[in-house]
Amino acid sequence: MEHKNLVGLRAYYYSKERLLVYEYMSMGSLSSLLHGNRGAGRTPLNWDTRSSIALDAARGIEYIHSTSPTASHGNIKSSNILLDRSYEARVSDHGLATLANPTPIPNRVAGYRAPEITDVRKVSQKADVYSFGVLLLELLTGKAPAQALLNEEGVDLPRWVQSVVKEEWTSEVFDLELLRYQNVEEEMVQLLQLAIDCAAQYPDRRPTMSEVVGRIEEIQQSSMLASADEKEDQADSV
């Protein structure tokens, strides 16, 4: 598979050991950028960067799904979203889930897993959509799914977000690093709704990845139009 939002495979070694060699992604994983070094000296990921990462990752997964009605990634998580020097996101480890031996699923992976999955080697496209929904929630909340599983009395990230939104405390779910961007709150809420739709309990209630890409593009376009209108208003006032 070749796509600008998939990490390129450069070589492989197949013997007693099996190795894959991917192109080097200088900024590392989304997981490390979101959750690493939360103290002083941290460079926060701003709203535009997070929104762009979401769209890049969605396009990569959409491409995988487009290759076959049964094609899926099977292991979507923030540590499998890698970034280059300009923060362009690419999806890694595509296709490996079907080769994996059946093993107990660790918490860090279980947080992304759709509730209907019983065999990690057989993941549907709608299960990928669920995992991507959790990934969006991770981008918006700054919380890792494993954190929610371990620290919130066993409540997973989608259920925690839905419980907060239900109480109409929507702003409480967003990462504090995002709350400084007051003029994009509407776009953040729209992306949050998309994430909740993707992480629906039942597969037939989830959108397709093509629909997900379209909705993120619409959110970005509305954000750009709002920004242009704001600049025009500022120019008029001057």
C-alpha atoms as a PDB file:
ATOM      1  CA  MET A   1       0.000   0.000   0.000  1.00  0.00           C
ATOM      2  CA  GLU A   2       1.244   3.481  -0.860  1.00  0.00           C
ATOM      3  CA  HIS A   3      -0.420   6.697   0.302  1.00  0.00           C
ATOM      4  CA  LYS A   4       0.941   9.990   1.599  1.00  0.00           C
ATOM      5  CA  ASN A   5      -0.742   9.356   4.954  1.00  0.00           C
ATOM      6  CA  LEU A   6       0.685   5.853   5.430  1.00  0.00           C
ATOM      7  CA  VAL A   7       4.208   5.292   6.711  1.00  0.00           C
ATOM      8  CA  GLY A   8       6.233   3.853   3.827  1.00  0.00           C
ATOM      9  CA  LEU A   9       7.631   0.330   4.133  1.00  0.00           C
ATOM     10  CA  ARG A  10      11.274   0.347   3.003  1.00  0.00           C
ATOM     11  CA  ALA A  11      12.424  -3.231   3.640  1.00  0.00           C
ATOM     12  CA  TYR A  12      11.616  -6.466   5.417  1.00  0.00           C
ATOM     13  CA  TYR A  13      13.486  -9.453   6.817  1.00  0.00           C
ATOM     14  CA  TYR A  14      11.737 -12.808   6.936  1.00  0.00           C
ATOM     15  CA  SER A  15      13.381 -15.730   8.727  1.00  0.00           C
ATOM     16  CA  LYS A  16      13.199 -16.960  12.323  1.00  0.00           C
ATOM     17  CA  GLU A  17      12.880 -13.283  13.137  1.00  0.00           C
ATOM     18  CA  ARG A  18      10.514 -11.064  11.179  1.00  0.00           C
ATOM     19  CA  LEU A  19      11.451  -7.425  10.855  1.00  0.00           C
ATOM     20  CA  LEU A  20       9.860  -4.494   9.053  1.00  0.00           C
ATOM     21  CA  VAL A  21      11.821  -1.350   8.200  1.00  0.00           C
ATOM     22  CA  TYR A  22       9.751   1.821   7.840  1.00  0.00           C
ATOM     23  CA  GLU A  23      10.759   5.298   6.754  1.00  0.00           C
ATOM     24  CA  TYR A  24      11.967   7.464   9.630  1.00  0.00           C
ATOM     25  CA  MET A  25       9.400   9.870  11.109  1.00  0.00           C
ATOM     26  CA  SER A  26      11.355  12.538  12.944  1.00  0.00           C
ATOM     27  CA  MET A  27       8.632  13.817  15.308  1.00  0.00           C
ATOM     28  CA  GLY A  28       7.798  10.372  16.687  1.00  0.00           C
ATOM     29  CA  SER A  29       4.307   9.255  17.644  1.00  0.00           C
ATOM     30  CA  LEU A  30       1.166  11.203  18.445  1.00  0.00           C
ATOM     31  CA  SER A  31       1.074   9.366  21.784  1.00  0.00           C
ATOM     32  CA  SER A  32       4.446  10.737  22.866  1.00  0.00           C
ATOM     33  CA  LEU A  33       3.573  14.260  21.707  1.00  0.00           C
ATOM     34  CA  LEU A  34       0.234  14.235  23.538  1.00  0.00           C
ATOM     35  CA  HIS A  35       1.259  12.539  26.769  1.00  0.00           C
ATOM     36  CA  GLY A  36       5.021  12.969  27.073  1.00  0.00           C
ATOM     37  CA  ASN A  37       6.502  15.807  29.125  1.00  0.00           C
ATOM     38  CA  ARG A  38       3.351  17.427  30.483  1.00  0.00           C
ATOM     39  CA  GLY A  39       5.440  19.633  32.759  1.00  0.00           C
ATOM     40  CA  ALA A  40       7.437  22.836  32.270  1.00  0.00           C
ATOM     41  CA  GLY A  41       9.121  23.240  28.915  1.00  0.00           C
ATOM     42  CA  ARG A  42       6.434  21.322  27.051  1.00  0.00           C
ATOM     43  CA  THR A  43       5.446  22.542  23.594  1.00  0.00           C
ATOM     44  CA  PRO A  44       1.654  22.110  23.474  1.00  0.00           C
ATOM     45  CA  LEU A  45      -0.107  20.814  20.368  1.00  0.00           C
ATOM     46  CA  ASN A  46      -2.363  23.627  19.187  1.00  0.00           C
ATOM     47  CA  TRP A  47      -5.844  23.227  17.739  1.00  0.00           C
ATOM     48  CA  ASP A  48      -4.826  23.576  14.072  1.00  0.00           C
ATOM     49  CA  THR A  49      -2.152  20.890  14.465  1.00  0.00           C
ATOM     50  CA  ARG A  50      -4.522  18.472  16.204  1.00  0.00           C
ATOM     51  CA  SER A  51      -7.233  19.055  13.613  1.00  0.00           C
ATOM     52  CA  SER A  52      -4.736  18.492  10.795  1.00  0.00           C
ATOM     53  CA  ILE A  53      -3.440  15.286  12.425  1.00  0.00           C
ATOM     54  CA  ALA A  54      -7.030  13.998  12.712  1.00  0.00           C
ATOM     55  CA  LEU A  55      -7.663  14.604   8.998  1.00  0.00           C
ATOM     56  CA  ASP A  56      -4.343  13.082   7.896  1.00  0.00           C
ATOM     57  CA  ALA A  57      -4.933   9.938   9.968  1.00  0.00           C
ATOM     58  CA  ALA A  58      -8.526   9.652   8.725  1.00  0.00           C
ATOM     59  CA  ARG A  59      -7.369   9.865   5.103  1.00  0.00           C
ATOM     60  CA  GLY A  60      -4.776   7.148   5.681  1.00  0.00           C
ATOM     61  CA  ILE A  61      -7.355   4.796   7.203  1.00  0.00           C
ATOM     62  CA  GLU A  62      -9.893   5.679   4.488  1.00  0.00           C
ATOM     63  CA  TYR A  63      -7.324   4.635   1.866  1.00  0.00           C
ATOM     64  CA  ILE A  64      -6.778   1.271   3.587  1.00  0.00           C
ATOM     65  CA  HIS A  65     -10.539   0.682   3.626  1.00  0.00           C
ATOM     66  CA  SER A  66     -10.811   1.632  -0.056  1.00  0.00           C
ATOM     67  CA  THR A  67      -8.537  -1.234  -1.143  1.00  0.00           C
ATOM     68  CA  SER A  68     -11.116  -3.926  -0.297  1.00  0.00           C
ATOM     69  CA  PRO A  69     -14.539  -4.207   1.404  1.00  0.00           C
ATOM     70  CA  THR A  70     -12.895  -6.324   4.118  1.00  0.00           C
ATOM     71  CA  ALA A  71      -9.596  -4.403   4.430  1.00  0.00           C
ATOM     72  CA  SER A  72      -8.976  -2.886   7.856  1.00  0.00           C
ATOM     73  CA  HIS A  73      -6.060  -1.585   9.890  1.00  0.00           C
ATOM     74  CA  GLY A  74      -6.902  -3.557  13.014  1.00  0.00           C
ATOM     75  CA  ASN A  75      -4.817  -1.678  15.565  1.00  0.00           C
ATOM     76  CA  ILE A  76      -5.492   2.052  15.433  1.00  0.00           C
ATOM     77  CA  LYS A  77      -4.015   3.900  18.414  1.00  0.00           C
ATOM     78  CA  SER A  78      -2.037   7.080  19.010  1.00  0.00           C
ATOM     79  CA  SER A  79       1.311   5.255  19.137  1.00  0.00           C
ATOM     80  CA  ASN A  80       0.626   4.078  15.567  1.00  0.00           C
ATOM     81  CA  ILE A  81       0.129   7.625  14.270  1.00  0.00           C
ATOM     82  CA  LEU A  82       3.579   8.983  13.394  1.00  0.00           C
ATOM     83  CA  LEU A  83       4.525  12.533  12.423  1.00  0.00           C
ATOM     84  CA  ASP A  84       7.150  14.033  10.158  1.00  0.00           C
ATOM     85  CA  ARG A  85       9.026  17.287  10.693  1.00  0.00           C
ATOM     86  CA  SER A  86       6.076  19.398   9.510  1.00  0.00           C
ATOM     87  CA  TYR A  87       3.627  17.472  11.759  1.00  0.00           C
ATOM     88  CA  GLU A  88       2.016  15.683   8.829  1.00  0.00           C
ATOM     89  CA  ALA A  89       0.529  12.482  10.239  1.00  0.00           C
ATOM     90  CA  ARG A  90       0.941   9.023   8.770  1.00  0.00           C
ATOM     91  CA  VAL A  91      -0.555   5.724   9.889  1.00  0.00           C
ATOM     92  CA  SER A  92       1.885   2.918  10.697  1.00  0.00           C
ATOM     93  CA  ASP A  93       1.614  -0.843  11.352  1.00  0.00           C
ATOM     94  CA  HIS A  94      -1.166  -1.292   8.792  1.00  0.00           C
ATOM     95  CA  GLY A  95      -1.938  -4.935   8.093  1.00  0.00           C
ATOM     96  CA  LEU A  96      -0.001  -6.359  11.026  1.00  0.00           C
ATOM     97  CA  ALA A  97      -3.017  -7.215  13.192  1.00  0.00           C
ATOM     98  CA  THR A  98      -3.998 -10.115  10.908  1.00  0.00           C
ATOM     99  CA  LEU A  99      -0.526 -11.654  11.382  1.00  0.00           C
ATOM    100  CA  ALA A 100      -0.488 -11.393  15.174  1.00  0.00           C
ATOM    101  CA  ASN A 101      -0.773 -14.389  17.442  1.00  0.00           C
ATOM    102  CA  PRO A 102      -3.881 -14.341  19.658  1.00  0.00           C
ATOM    103  CA  THR A 103      -2.746 -12.972  23.023  1.00  0.00           C
ATOM    104  CA  PRO A 104      -4.448 -11.236  25.966  1.00  0.00           C
ATOM    105  CA  ILE A 105      -5.125  -7.613  25.027  1.00  0.00           C
ATOM    106  CA  PRO A 106      -3.233  -5.125  27.237  1.00  0.00           C
ATOM    107  CA  ASN A 107      -5.049  -2.127  28.720  1.00  0.00           C
ATOM    108  CA  ARG A 108      -3.347   0.380  26.447  1.00  0.00           C
ATOM    109  CA  VAL A 109      -4.836  -1.425  23.423  1.00  0.00           C
ATOM    110  CA  ALA A 110      -8.134  -2.446  25.050  1.00  0.00           C
ATOM    111  CA  GLY A 111      -9.054   1.224  25.417  1.00  0.00           C
ATOM    112  CA  TYR A 112      -9.276   1.530  21.625  1.00  0.00           C
ATOM    113  CA  ARG A 113     -10.966  -1.805  20.962  1.00  0.00           C
ATOM    114  CA  ALA A 114     -14.561  -1.869  19.704  1.00  0.00           C
ATOM    115  CA  PRO A 115     -16.869  -3.764  22.089  1.00  0.00           C
ATOM    116  CA  GLU A 116     -17.818  -6.379  19.463  1.00  0.00           C
ATOM    117  CA  ILE A 117     -14.240  -7.592  18.856  1.00  0.00           C
ATOM    118  CA  THR A 118     -13.498 -11.090  20.093  1.00  0.00           C
ATOM    119  CA  ASP A 119     -10.475 -11.869  17.895  1.00  0.00           C
ATOM    120  CA  VAL A 120      -7.845  -9.139  17.367  1.00  0.00           C
ATOM    121  CA  ARG A 121      -6.933 -10.730  14.016  1.00  0.00           C
ATOM    122  CA  LYS A 122     -10.454 -10.136  12.686  1.00  0.00           C
ATOM    123  CA  VAL A 123     -11.253  -6.443  12.902  1.00  0.00           C
ATOM    124  CA  SER A 124     -13.974  -4.944  10.704  1.00  0.00           C
ATOM    125  CA  GLN A 125     -13.887  -1.512   9.099  1.00  0.00           C
ATOM    126  CA  LYS A 126     -16.546  -0.307  11.547  1.00  0.00           C
ATOM    127  CA  ALA A 127     -14.311  -1.506  14.410  1.00  0.00           C
ATOM    128  CA  ASP A 128     -11.527   0.649  12.917  1.00  0.00           C
ATOM    129  CA  VAL A 129     -13.968   3.569  12.975  1.00  0.00           C
ATOM    130  CA  TYR A 130     -14.581   2.956  16.687  1.00  0.00           C
ATOM    131  CA  SER A 131     -10.830   3.004  17.376  1.00  0.00           C
ATOM    132  CA  PHE A 132     -10.485   6.200  15.369  1.00  0.00           C
ATOM    133  CA  GLY A 133     -13.298   7.743  17.439  1.00  0.00           C
ATOM    134  CA  VAL A 134     -11.329   6.961  20.607  1.00  0.00           C
ATOM    135  CA  LEU A 135      -8.257   8.506  18.944  1.00  0.00           C
ATOM    136  CA  LEU A 136     -10.243  11.707  18.279  1.00  0.00           C
ATOM    137  CA  LEU A 137     -11.357  11.779  21.912  1.00  0.00           C
ATOM    138  CA  GLU A 138      -7.724  11.401  22.929  1.00  0.00           C
ATOM    139  CA  LEU A 139      -6.778  14.398  20.734  1.00  0.00           C
ATOM    140  CA  LEU A 140      -9.592  16.498  22.227  1.00  0.00           C
ATOM    141  CA  THR A 141      -9.309  15.521  25.898  1.00  0.00           C
ATOM    142  CA  GLY A 142      -5.568  14.954  26.224  1.00  0.00           C
ATOM    143  CA  LYS A 143      -6.413  11.745  28.096  1.00  0.00           C
ATOM    144  CA  ALA A 144      -4.989   8.379  27.082  1.00  0.00           C
ATOM    145  CA  PRO A 145      -7.609   5.586  26.914  1.00  0.00           C
ATOM    146  CA  ALA A 146      -5.486   3.553  29.328  1.00  0.00           C
ATOM    147  CA  GLN A 147      -5.675   6.446  31.834  1.00  0.00           C
ATOM    148  CA  ALA A 148      -9.458   6.286  31.731  1.00  0.00           C
ATOM    149  CA  LEU A 149      -9.441   2.510  32.162  1.00  0.00           C
ATOM    150  CA  LEU A 150      -7.033   2.542  35.089  1.00  0.00           C
ATOM    151  CA  ASN A 151      -7.880   5.746  36.910  1.00  0.00           C
ATOM    152  CA  GLU A 152     -11.581   6.398  36.329  1.00  0.00           C
ATOM    153  CA  GLU A 153     -12.855   3.285  38.089  1.00  0.00           C
ATOM    154  CA  GLY A 154     -12.761   1.214  34.926  1.00  0.00           C
ATOM    155  CA  VAL A 155     -14.802   3.653  32.809  1.00  0.00           C
ATOM    156  CA  ASP A 156     -13.545   3.841  29.235  1.00  0.00           C
ATOM    157  CA  LEU A 157     -12.861   7.140  27.490  1.00  0.00           C
ATOM    158  CA  PRO A 158     -16.011   7.207  25.276  1.00  0.00           C
ATOM    159  CA  ARG A 159     -18.300   6.507  28.250  1.00  0.00           C
ATOM    160  CA  TRP A 160     -16.552   9.124  30.388  1.00  0.00           C
ATOM    161  CA  VAL A 161     -16.921  11.780  27.659  1.00  0.00           C
ATOM    162  CA  GLN A 162     -20.572  10.896  27.060  1.00  0.00           C
ATOM    163  CA  SER A 163     -21.349  11.138  30.783  1.00  0.00           C
ATOM    164  CA  VAL A 164     -19.788  14.606  30.963  1.00  0.00           C
ATOM    165  CA  VAL A 165     -21.542  15.818  27.800  1.00  0.00           C
ATOM    166  CA  LYS A 166     -24.863  14.464  29.061  1.00  0.00           C
ATOM    167  CA  GLU A 167     -24.545  16.694  32.123  1.00  0.00           C
ATOM    168  CA  GLU A 168     -23.979  19.636  29.723  1.00  0.00           C
ATOM    169  CA  TRP A 169     -20.436  20.227  30.945  1.00  0.00           C
ATOM    170  CA  THR A 170     -19.002  19.870  27.441  1.00  0.00           C
ATOM    171  CA  SER A 171     -16.111  22.280  28.029  1.00  0.00           C
ATOM    172  CA  GLU A 172     -14.957  20.056  30.898  1.00  0.00           C
ATOM    173  CA  VAL A 173     -13.871  17.310  28.481  1.00  0.00           C
ATOM    174  CA  PHE A 174     -11.413  19.398  26.468  1.00  0.00           C
ATOM    175  CA  ASP A 175      -7.684  19.359  27.101  1.00  0.00           C
ATOM    176  CA  LEU A 176      -6.677  22.481  29.064  1.00  0.00           C
ATOM    177  CA  GLU A 177      -4.141  23.206  26.317  1.00  0.00           C
ATOM    178  CA  LEU A 178      -7.056  23.692  23.892  1.00  0.00           C
ATOM    179  CA  LEU A 179      -9.163  25.982  26.049  1.00  0.00           C
ATOM    180  CA  ARG A 180      -6.907  28.952  25.238  1.00  0.00           C
ATOM    181  CA  TYR A 181      -8.278  28.901  21.665  1.00  0.00           C
ATOM    182  CA  GLN A 182     -11.639  30.533  22.357  1.00  0.00           C
ATOM    183  CA  ASN A 183     -12.519  31.264  18.706  1.00  0.00           C
ATOM    184  CA  VAL A 184     -12.539  27.572  17.700  1.00  0.00           C
ATOM    185  CA  GLU A 185     -14.804  26.186  20.411  1.00  0.00           C
ATOM    186  CA  GLU A 186     -17.579  25.469  17.899  1.00  0.00           C
ATOM    187  CA  GLU A 187     -15.209  23.437  15.713  1.00  0.00           C
ATOM    188  CA  MET A 188     -13.978  21.552  18.795  1.00  0.00           C
ATOM    189  CA  VAL A 189     -17.557  20.663  19.727  1.00  0.00           C
ATOM    190  CA  GLN A 190     -18.265  19.482  16.153  1.00  0.00           C
ATOM    191  CA  LEU A 191     -15.193  17.226  16.199  1.00  0.00           C
ATOM    192  CA  LEU A 192     -16.246  15.953  19.625  1.00  0.00           C
ATOM    193  CA  GLN A 193     -19.661  15.000  18.227  1.00  0.00           C
ATOM    194  CA  LEU A 194     -17.984  13.178  15.353  1.00  0.00           C
ATOM    195  CA  ALA A 195     -15.796  11.281  17.825  1.00  0.00           C
ATOM    196  CA  ILE A 196     -18.877  10.241  19.821  1.00  0.00           C
ATOM    197  CA  ASP A 197     -20.604   9.080  16.617  1.00  0.00           C
ATOM    198  CA  CYS A 198     -17.546   7.009  15.657  1.00  0.00           C
ATOM    199  CA  ALA A 199     -17.402   5.407  19.108  1.00  0.00           C
ATOM    200  CA  ALA A 200     -21.064   4.363  19.052  1.00  0.00           C
ATOM    201  CA  GLN A 201     -21.730   1.075  20.833  1.00  0.00           C
ATOM    202  CA  TYR A 202     -23.302  -0.593  17.794  1.00  0.00           C
ATOM    203  CA  PRO A 203     -21.329  -0.855  14.504  1.00  0.00           C
ATOM    204  CA  ASP A 204     -24.247   0.074  12.208  1.00  0.00           C
ATOM    205  CA  ARG A 205     -24.567   3.428  13.994  1.00  0.00           C
ATOM    206  CA  ARG A 206     -20.979   4.417  13.171  1.00  0.00           C
ATOM    207  CA  PRO A 207     -20.125   6.412  10.034  1.00  0.00           C
ATOM    208  CA  THR A 208     -17.794   5.055   7.354  1.00  0.00           C
ATOM    209  CA  MET A 209     -14.243   6.414   7.159  1.00  0.00           C
ATOM    210  CA  SER A 210     -15.175   8.260   3.946  1.00  0.00           C
ATOM    211  CA  GLU A 211     -17.966  10.025   5.852  1.00  0.00           C
ATOM    212  CA  VAL A 212     -15.521  10.767   8.692  1.00  0.00           C
ATOM    213  CA  VAL A 213     -13.053  12.394   6.271  1.00  0.00           C
ATOM    214  CA  GLY A 214     -15.857  14.476   4.739  1.00  0.00           C
ATOM    215  CA  ARG A 215     -17.031  15.729   8.126  1.00  0.00           C
ATOM    216  CA  ILE A 216     -13.531  16.694   9.281  1.00  0.00           C
ATOM    217  CA  GLU A 217     -12.998  18.555   5.993  1.00  0.00           C
ATOM    218  CA  GLU A 218     -16.279  20.435   6.548  1.00  0.00           C
ATOM    219  CA  ILE A 219     -15.238  21.355  10.094  1.00  0.00           C
ATOM    220  CA  GLN A 220     -11.899  22.696   8.840  1.00  0.00           C
ATOM    221  CA  GLN A 221     -13.557  24.665   6.025  1.00  0.00           C
ATOM    222  CA  SER A 222     -16.034  26.294   8.423  1.00  0.00           C
ATOM    223  CA  SER A 223     -13.127  27.151  10.720  1.00  0.00           C
ATOM    224  CA  MET A 224     -11.229  28.782   7.850  1.00  0.00           C
ATOM    225  CA  LEU A 225     -14.308  30.766   6.788  1.00  0.00           C
ATOM    226  CA  ALA A 226     -14.904  31.950  10.356  1.00  0.00           C
ATOM    227  CA  SER A 227     -11.259  33.006  10.629  1.00  0.00           C
ATOM    228  CA  ALA A 228     -11.467  34.911   7.320  1.00  0.00           C
ATOM    229  CA  ASP A 229     -14.665  36.690   8.441  1.00  0.00           C
ATOM    230  CA  GLU A 230     -13.023  37.634  11.739  1.00  0.00           C
ATOM    231  CA  LYS A 231     -10.005  39.128   9.964  1.00  0.00           C
ATOM    232  CA  GLU A 232     -12.336  41.066   7.631  1.00  0.00           C
ATOM    233  CA  ASP A 233     -14.255  42.455  10.613  1.00  0.00           C
ATOM    234  CA  GLN A 234     -10.997  43.496  12.278  1.00  0.00           C
ATOM    235  CA  ALA A 235      -9.875  45.238   9.067  1.00  0.00           C
ATOM    236  CA  ASP A 236     -13.206  47.084   8.813  1.00  0.00           C
ATOM    237  CA  SER A 237     -12.973  48.269  12.428  1.00  0.00           C
ATOM    238  CA  VAL A 238      -9.474  49.661  11.781  1.00  0.00           C
END
